[in-house]
Amino acid sequence: MKKPIDVKAIRAKEAAEVAEYMKKLKHPLKAEVEALRTVIIGTSKKLSERIKWNGPSYYYKEDLLTFSLHAKDRICLAFHHKSIISIPSPLLTGDFKDRRLMFLRDAAEVKKASKEIRRIVRELVKRMDR
């Protein structure tokens, strides 16, 4: 008989990996990345955080969004759950068949976008529960 998956242990390990990643992160917008992480993970207790594609990534049942931190002058949030296509937002860009992007350049933009990010993430979680 297979041993049951210990979801709490997996989440704890992933959280430790994100903490270590953030400790080592050298990015001019590191404080803004931390602020966005707080906004995103605080949106729903159902979300989990891990490192994927070399950045903090969030999932619930399926992957939802990931930070892309390759550019040094902005933060890119890649919303890559298929439901994002049907969630309108003035902050989401790109005409891709399976994802939308959001770009934030400084603390003021992060603060201004926080409410909309929470709305989008809540809607994605809600759709996954249907």
Protein backbone atom coordinates (compact mmCIF):
# COMPACT_ATOMS: atom_id res chain seq x y z
CA MET A 1 0.00 0.00 0.00
CA LYS A 2 1.30 3.44 -0.93
CA LYS A 3 2.08 5.95 1.77
CA PRO A 4 -0.36 8.91 1.61
CA ILE A 5 0.98 12.20 0.31
CA ASP A 6 1.82 14.62 3.11
CA VAL A 7 0.50 17.87 1.61
CA LYS A 8 1.51 19.94 4.65
CA ALA A 9 5.10 18.68 4.41
CA ILE A 10 5.22 19.47 0.70
CA ARG A 11 3.90 22.98 1.28
CA ALA A 12 6.38 23.57 4.10
CA LYS A 13 9.26 22.43 1.88
CA GLU A 14 8.07 24.67 -0.96
CA ALA A 15 7.68 27.65 1.38
CA ALA A 16 11.24 27.11 2.62
CA GLU A 17 12.47 27.03 -0.99
CA VAL A 18 10.70 30.33 -1.72
CA ALA A 19 12.17 31.90 1.43
CA GLU A 20 15.65 30.80 0.37
CA TYR A 21 15.07 32.09 -3.18
CA MET A 22 13.97 35.48 -1.87
CA LYS A 23 16.92 35.66 0.51
CA LYS A 24 19.29 35.25 -2.44
CA LEU A 25 17.32 37.38 -4.92
CA LYS A 26 19.26 40.31 -6.33
CA HIS A 27 16.68 42.49 -8.05
CA PRO A 28 16.20 46.26 -7.91
CA LEU A 29 12.49 45.72 -7.18
CA LYS A 30 12.94 43.08 -4.47
CA ALA A 31 10.85 45.06 -1.95
CA GLU A 32 8.04 45.29 -4.49
CA VAL A 33 8.30 41.54 -5.19
CA GLU A 34 7.90 40.91 -1.45
CA ALA A 35 4.89 43.24 -1.31
CA LEU A 36 3.26 41.43 -4.23
CA ARG A 37 3.93 38.04 -2.65
CA THR A 38 2.14 39.23 0.48
CA VAL A 39 -0.83 40.45 -1.59
CA ILE A 40 -1.08 37.24 -3.61
CA ILE A 41 -0.66 34.65 -0.84
CA GLY A 42 -2.94 36.65 1.43
CA THR A 43 -5.75 36.54 -1.11
CA SER A 44 -6.81 32.97 -0.38
CA LYS A 45 -5.86 30.30 2.14
CA LYS A 46 -6.24 27.82 -0.71
CA LEU A 47 -3.14 29.13 -2.49
CA SER A 48 0.28 27.59 -2.20
CA GLU A 49 3.60 29.12 -3.20
CA ARG A 50 6.64 27.46 -4.74
CA ILE A 51 9.50 28.18 -7.10
CA LYS A 52 8.69 27.42 -10.72
CA TRP A 53 10.33 28.76 -13.86
CA ASN A 54 12.91 30.47 -11.64
CA GLY A 55 10.44 32.64 -9.74
CA PRO A 56 7.77 32.53 -7.03
CA SER A 57 4.71 30.77 -8.39
CA TYR A 58 1.21 30.23 -7.01
CA TYR A 59 -1.13 27.32 -7.44
CA TYR A 60 -4.40 25.85 -6.25
CA LYS A 61 -5.35 22.59 -7.90
CA GLU A 62 -3.47 23.94 -10.95
CA ASP A 63 -0.87 26.61 -11.63
CA LEU A 64 -2.26 30.16 -11.55
CA LEU A 65 0.51 32.72 -11.81
CA THR A 66 4.26 33.09 -11.72
CA PHE A 67 6.69 35.97 -11.28
CA SER A 68 9.05 36.59 -14.17
CA LEU A 69 11.97 38.60 -12.83
CA HIS A 70 14.31 38.57 -15.82
CA ALA A 71 13.91 42.28 -16.53
CA LYS A 72 15.48 44.58 -13.95
CA ASP A 73 13.21 47.59 -14.58
CA ARG A 74 9.87 45.85 -13.96
CA ILE A 75 8.10 42.89 -12.44
CA CYS A 76 6.10 40.65 -14.72
CA LEU A 77 3.27 38.53 -13.35
CA ALA A 78 2.36 35.78 -15.79
CA PHE A 79 -1.20 34.59 -15.20
CA HIS A 80 -1.18 31.22 -16.92
CA HIS A 81 -4.36 29.46 -15.93
CA LYS A 82 -6.71 28.98 -18.90
CA SER A 83 -9.52 30.89 -17.12
CA ILE A 84 -7.52 34.13 -17.19
CA ILE A 85 -8.53 34.63 -20.82
CA SER A 86 -12.12 35.36 -19.78
CA ILE A 87 -11.32 37.64 -16.82
CA PRO A 88 -11.29 41.24 -18.00
CA SER A 89 -8.84 43.67 -16.43
CA PRO A 90 -7.21 46.85 -17.66
CA LEU A 91 -3.95 45.64 -16.07
CA LEU A 92 -3.73 42.38 -18.02
CA THR A 93 -1.96 42.52 -21.36
CA GLY A 94 -1.22 40.17 -24.22
CA ASP A 95 -3.40 38.43 -26.72
CA PHE A 96 -2.21 34.91 -26.00
CA LYS A 97 -4.51 31.90 -26.19
CA ASP A 98 -3.61 30.68 -22.69
CA ARG A 99 -2.19 33.48 -20.53
CA ARG A 100 -2.10 37.18 -19.74
CA LEU A 101 0.71 39.34 -18.37
CA MET A 102 0.84 42.19 -15.88
CA PHE A 103 3.80 44.57 -15.66
CA LEU A 104 4.57 46.68 -12.60
CA ARG A 105 7.47 49.15 -12.47
CA ASP A 106 7.58 50.52 -8.93
CA ALA A 107 6.06 50.57 -5.44
CA ALA A 108 3.33 53.01 -6.47
CA GLU A 109 2.15 50.71 -9.29
CA VAL A 110 2.25 47.69 -6.96
CA LYS A 111 0.12 49.53 -4.40
CA LYS A 112 -2.33 50.74 -7.03
CA ALA A 113 -2.63 47.25 -8.60
CA SER A 114 -3.01 45.27 -5.35
CA LYS A 115 -6.80 45.41 -5.17
CA GLU A 116 -7.14 44.32 -8.80
CA ILE A 117 -4.63 41.49 -8.33
CA ARG A 118 -6.65 40.20 -5.37
CA ARG A 119 -9.84 40.38 -7.45
CA ILE A 120 -8.26 38.43 -10.30
CA VAL A 121 -6.77 35.76 -8.04
CA ARG A 122 -10.07 35.35 -6.13
CA GLU A 123 -11.89 34.92 -9.43
CA LEU A 124 -9.41 32.29 -10.61
CA VAL A 125 -9.78 30.33 -7.35
CA LYS A 126 -13.58 30.61 -7.54
CA ARG A 127 -13.58 29.26 -11.09
CA MET A 128 -11.39 26.35 -10.05
CA ASP A 129 -13.92 25.43 -7.36
CA ARG A 130 -16.77 25.13 -9.84
